[in-house]
């Protein structure tokens, strides 16, 4: 079963600026039982069944979830891992919460970590998101929301914490769509290096199959639609080798 990223979580950092700058340690609430049905991805976690063992043995804190190595448009970057951490269950306002103390990497080895920490202190970065692996089944529950409309939740039997990230916008469908658009823009910008005869606008107007044929120096042959962009993915893999 694949991991689930972009899960809504609650960012609540408690720190004294002077102490944080000296220790580079910040304590966070990264998820909260109180969120319940307000979770933007409709996830309802089983707060009696969090598995934190593997996270605490490999405590990854990332930026924008760029820690899985599955982005075809961006090369893996070790600086996307910005901190090490510990995680545990606590209580806050009468509810269970998932807490984590992160120690951000030194500025001299990771400028990304330094910038993210500075933005947290400044207050312009103030959202976090957990990446989890479901344990057992996920049950869909339907109900009428406060507006009287059909709604649902995805109820987890349990969940394993894989990583958590400081993010610009937590799990919002509009934010995810914008991310996909940005990936497409990055891919076209990358491919334009190999087609200087084309403008970016011209590349946008082309079919993926036409663009791949041009990049490979082959005559174009229509082979049907490619909605999953498999041809582009295969080409990108080939030029990385």
Protein backbone atom coordinates (compact mmCIF):
# COMPACT_ATOMS: atom_id res chain seq x y z
CA UNK A 1 0.00 0.00 0.00
CA UNK A 2 1.43 3.36 -0.98
CA UNK A 3 2.12 6.16 1.44
CA UNK A 4 -0.26 9.08 1.79
CA UNK A 5 1.21 12.55 1.53
CA UNK A 6 -0.27 16.04 1.78
CA UNK A 7 -2.34 15.20 4.83
CA UNK A 8 -3.83 18.15 6.65
CA UNK A 9 -2.12 18.68 9.97
CA UNK A 10 -1.85 21.36 12.59
CA UNK A 11 1.28 23.45 12.91
CA UNK A 12 1.78 24.83 16.39
CA UNK A 13 5.33 25.76 17.26
CA UNK A 14 6.19 26.84 20.78
CA UNK A 15 9.52 28.59 21.12
CA UNK A 16 11.53 31.46 22.40
CA UNK A 17 13.36 33.05 19.47
CA UNK A 18 16.69 33.43 21.30
CA UNK A 19 16.66 29.80 22.47
CA UNK A 20 15.67 28.52 19.03
CA UNK A 21 18.48 30.38 17.31
CA UNK A 22 20.97 28.91 19.81
CA UNK A 23 19.68 25.32 19.83
CA UNK A 24 17.90 25.12 16.44
CA UNK A 25 15.24 23.05 18.24
CA UNK A 26 11.53 23.70 17.79
CA UNK A 27 8.62 21.69 19.26
CA UNK A 28 5.58 21.23 17.04
CA UNK A 29 2.08 19.82 17.18
CA UNK A 30 1.87 18.21 13.74
CA UNK A 31 -1.55 16.52 13.97
CA UNK A 32 -4.47 16.71 16.38
CA UNK A 33 -7.37 14.45 17.28
CA UNK A 34 -9.55 17.57 17.52
CA UNK A 35 -9.34 18.08 13.75
CA UNK A 36 -11.75 15.17 13.22
CA UNK A 37 -14.09 15.67 10.28
CA UNK A 38 -12.53 19.07 9.54
CA UNK A 39 -9.53 17.34 7.97
CA UNK A 40 -9.33 18.72 4.42
CA UNK A 41 -8.54 15.31 2.92
CA UNK A 42 -11.38 13.76 4.93
CA UNK A 43 -8.94 11.59 6.90
CA UNK A 44 -9.93 10.54 10.42
CA UNK A 45 -7.00 8.87 12.15
CA UNK A 46 -7.27 6.15 14.77
CA UNK A 47 -5.61 7.85 17.70
CA UNK A 48 -5.24 4.54 19.52
CA UNK A 49 -3.10 3.11 16.72
CA UNK A 50 -0.26 5.41 15.72
CA UNK A 51 2.95 3.57 14.80
CA UNK A 52 5.92 5.89 15.40
CA UNK A 53 8.65 3.25 15.66
CA UNK A 54 10.13 3.53 12.18
CA UNK A 55 9.89 7.32 12.18
CA UNK A 56 11.80 7.58 15.43
CA UNK A 57 14.51 5.31 14.02
CA UNK A 58 14.70 7.34 10.78
CA UNK A 59 13.31 10.74 11.81
CA UNK A 60 12.87 12.67 8.57
CA UNK A 61 11.55 16.23 8.54
CA UNK A 62 11.29 17.62 5.04
CA UNK A 63 10.24 20.69 3.15
CA UNK A 64 7.15 20.38 0.93
CA UNK A 65 7.29 16.54 1.17
CA UNK A 66 10.19 16.48 -1.33
CA UNK A 67 11.74 13.50 0.44
CA UNK A 68 10.28 10.52 -1.45
CA UNK A 69 12.32 10.76 -4.65
CA UNK A 70 9.20 10.37 -6.80
CA UNK A 71 9.09 13.76 -8.51
CA UNK A 72 9.91 13.26 -12.19
CA UNK A 73 10.61 16.97 -12.69
CA UNK A 74 13.01 17.58 -9.82
CA UNK A 75 16.19 15.70 -9.06
CA UNK A 76 16.54 14.34 -5.50
CA UNK A 77 18.13 16.94 -3.26
CA UNK A 78 19.51 15.99 0.17
CA UNK A 79 18.84 19.54 1.38
CA UNK A 80 15.08 18.83 1.18
CA UNK A 81 15.60 16.94 4.45
CA UNK A 82 15.86 19.92 6.77
CA UNK A 83 15.78 18.45 10.29
CA UNK A 84 15.90 15.37 12.47
CA UNK A 85 13.22 14.84 15.08
CA UNK A 86 11.45 12.71 17.66
CA UNK A 87 7.71 12.11 17.74
CA UNK A 88 5.21 11.05 20.39
CA UNK A 89 1.60 11.30 21.55
CA UNK A 90 0.59 13.98 24.06
CA UNK A 91 -2.54 15.91 25.03
CA UNK A 92 -3.47 19.50 24.29
CA UNK A 93 -6.76 21.26 25.05
CA UNK A 94 -8.17 17.92 26.22
CA UNK A 95 -7.41 16.09 22.96
CA UNK A 96 -4.66 13.76 21.82
CA UNK A 97 -2.00 15.36 19.64
CA UNK A 98 1.02 14.15 17.71
CA UNK A 99 4.02 16.17 18.84
CA UNK A 100 7.50 16.36 17.39
CA UNK A 101 10.66 18.17 18.42
CA UNK A 102 12.75 19.02 15.37
CA UNK A 103 16.42 19.95 15.35
CA UNK A 104 17.13 21.90 12.17
CA UNK A 105 20.34 21.21 10.29
CA UNK A 106 23.17 23.75 10.64
CA UNK A 107 23.23 26.60 8.14
CA UNK A 108 26.68 25.63 6.87
CA UNK A 109 25.49 22.22 5.62
CA UNK A 110 21.96 23.13 4.58
CA UNK A 111 20.92 26.64 3.53
CA UNK A 112 17.36 25.39 2.94
CA UNK A 113 17.05 24.38 6.59
CA UNK A 114 18.36 27.79 7.64
CA UNK A 115 15.88 29.63 5.45
CA UNK A 116 12.92 27.51 6.59
CA UNK A 117 13.85 27.98 10.25
CA UNK A 118 14.19 31.74 9.76
CA UNK A 119 10.78 31.89 8.06
CA UNK A 120 9.21 29.91 10.91
CA UNK A 121 10.63 32.40 13.41
CA UNK A 122 9.47 35.30 11.25
CA UNK A 123 6.02 33.72 10.89
CA UNK A 124 5.68 33.51 7.11
CA UNK A 125 5.86 29.69 7.13
CA UNK A 126 3.26 28.32 9.51
CA UNK A 127 1.87 25.05 8.22
CA UNK A 128 2.96 21.43 8.52
CA UNK A 129 1.84 18.16 6.98
CA UNK A 130 2.35 14.50 7.86
CA UNK A 131 3.10 11.66 5.47
CA UNK A 132 1.61 8.37 6.67
CA UNK A 133 1.25 4.74 5.63
CA UNK A 134 -2.22 3.33 6.40
CA UNK A 135 -2.33 0.33 8.73
CA UNK A 136 -5.16 -2.05 7.87
CA UNK A 137 -8.22 -0.86 5.98
CA UNK A 138 -9.64 2.59 5.36
CA UNK A 139 -13.41 2.75 5.78
CA UNK A 140 -15.47 5.40 4.03
CA UNK A 141 -18.25 6.86 6.20
CA UNK A 142 -20.97 9.02 4.67
CA UNK A 143 -23.04 11.61 6.52
CA UNK A 144 -24.88 14.93 6.16
CA UNK A 145 -22.70 17.92 7.00
CA UNK A 146 -23.78 21.12 8.75
CA UNK A 147 -25.02 22.47 5.41
CA UNK A 148 -27.23 19.42 4.94
CA UNK A 149 -25.12 18.18 2.05
CA UNK A 150 -23.73 14.69 1.52
CA UNK A 151 -20.23 14.40 2.92
CA UNK A 152 -17.82 11.65 3.94
CA UNK A 153 -14.74 10.77 5.95
CA UNK A 154 -12.02 8.17 5.38
CA UNK A 155 -11.57 6.40 8.70
CA UNK A 156 -8.18 4.76 9.29
CA UNK A 157 -7.73 1.55 11.29
CA UNK A 158 -4.27 2.85 12.10
CA UNK A 159 -1.44 4.81 10.54
CA UNK A 160 2.35 4.76 10.49
CA UNK A 161 4.20 8.07 10.47
CA UNK A 162 6.80 8.13 7.68
CA UNK A 163 7.83 11.78 7.76
CA UNK A 164 6.44 15.22 8.31
CA UNK A 165 7.17 18.41 6.45
CA UNK A 166 6.99 22.13 6.82
CA UNK A 167 4.77 23.18 3.91
CA UNK A 168 3.55 26.39 2.38
CA UNK A 169 -0.08 25.28 2.13
CA UNK A 170 -1.45 22.17 3.87
CA UNK A 171 -3.72 19.59 2.27
CA UNK A 172 -6.06 21.67 0.17
CA UNK A 173 -7.26 20.28 -3.21
CA UNK A 174 -6.65 23.64 -4.86
CA UNK A 175 -3.09 23.64 -3.56
CA UNK A 176 -2.53 20.13 -4.95
CA UNK A 177 -3.80 21.17 -8.36
CA UNK A 178 -1.49 24.15 -8.32
CA UNK A 179 1.41 21.81 -7.45
CA UNK A 180 0.65 19.61 -10.46
CA UNK A 181 0.57 22.69 -12.68
CA UNK A 182 3.95 23.76 -11.32
CA UNK A 183 5.41 20.30 -12.05
CA UNK A 184 4.18 20.55 -15.66
CA UNK A 185 5.75 24.00 -15.99
CA UNK A 186 9.04 22.66 -14.59
CA UNK A 187 9.00 19.77 -17.06
CA UNK A 188 8.44 22.02 -20.07
CA UNK A 189 11.10 24.47 -18.89
CA UNK A 190 13.54 21.57 -18.55
CA UNK A 191 12.73 20.13 -21.98
CA UNK A 192 13.05 23.55 -23.61
CA UNK A 193 16.82 23.29 -23.09
CA UNK A 194 16.84 20.59 -25.78
CA UNK A 195 14.53 22.45 -28.17
CA UNK A 196 15.88 26.01 -28.39
CA UNK A 197 14.09 26.42 -31.72
CA UNK A 198 10.74 26.37 -29.89
CA UNK A 199 9.28 29.02 -27.63
CA UNK A 200 7.65 28.01 -24.35
CA UNK A 201 4.25 28.97 -25.80
CA UNK A 202 4.84 26.73 -28.82
CA UNK A 203 5.72 23.81 -26.55
CA UNK A 204 2.53 24.37 -24.55
CA UNK A 205 0.45 24.06 -27.72
CA UNK A 206 2.06 20.76 -28.79
CA UNK A 207 0.81 17.26 -28.12
CA UNK A 208 3.04 15.28 -25.79
CA UNK A 209 3.64 12.66 -28.49
CA UNK A 210 4.72 15.36 -30.97
CA UNK A 211 7.13 16.85 -28.46
CA UNK A 212 8.65 13.48 -27.60
CA UNK A 213 9.09 12.66 -31.29
CA UNK A 214 10.84 15.99 -31.84
CA UNK A 215 13.15 15.47 -28.86
CA UNK A 216 14.07 12.01 -30.09
CA UNK A 217 14.63 13.25 -33.65
CA UNK A 218 11.98 10.91 -35.01
CA UNK A 219 9.09 11.41 -37.36
CA UNK A 220 5.85 11.79 -35.50
CA UNK A 221 3.56 8.77 -35.50
CA UNK A 222 0.17 8.95 -33.84
CA UNK A 223 -0.16 6.12 -31.33
CA UNK A 224 -3.25 7.28 -29.48
CA UNK A 225 -3.74 9.49 -26.43
CA UNK A 226 -1.26 9.49 -23.57
CA UNK A 227 -3.17 10.96 -20.61
CA UNK A 228 -0.73 9.52 -18.07
CA UNK A 229 2.27 11.10 -19.88
CA UNK A 230 4.00 7.71 -19.88
CA UNK A 231 6.03 8.60 -22.97
CA UNK A 232 7.37 11.74 -21.30
CA UNK A 233 8.20 9.81 -18.15
CA UNK A 234 10.11 7.18 -20.10
CA UNK A 235 12.00 9.85 -22.00
CA UNK A 236 12.93 11.68 -18.82
CA UNK A 237 14.19 8.43 -17.33
CA UNK A 238 16.33 7.79 -20.40
CA UNK A 239 18.04 11.18 -20.34
CA UNK A 240 18.81 10.89 -16.63
CA UNK A 241 20.91 7.77 -17.23
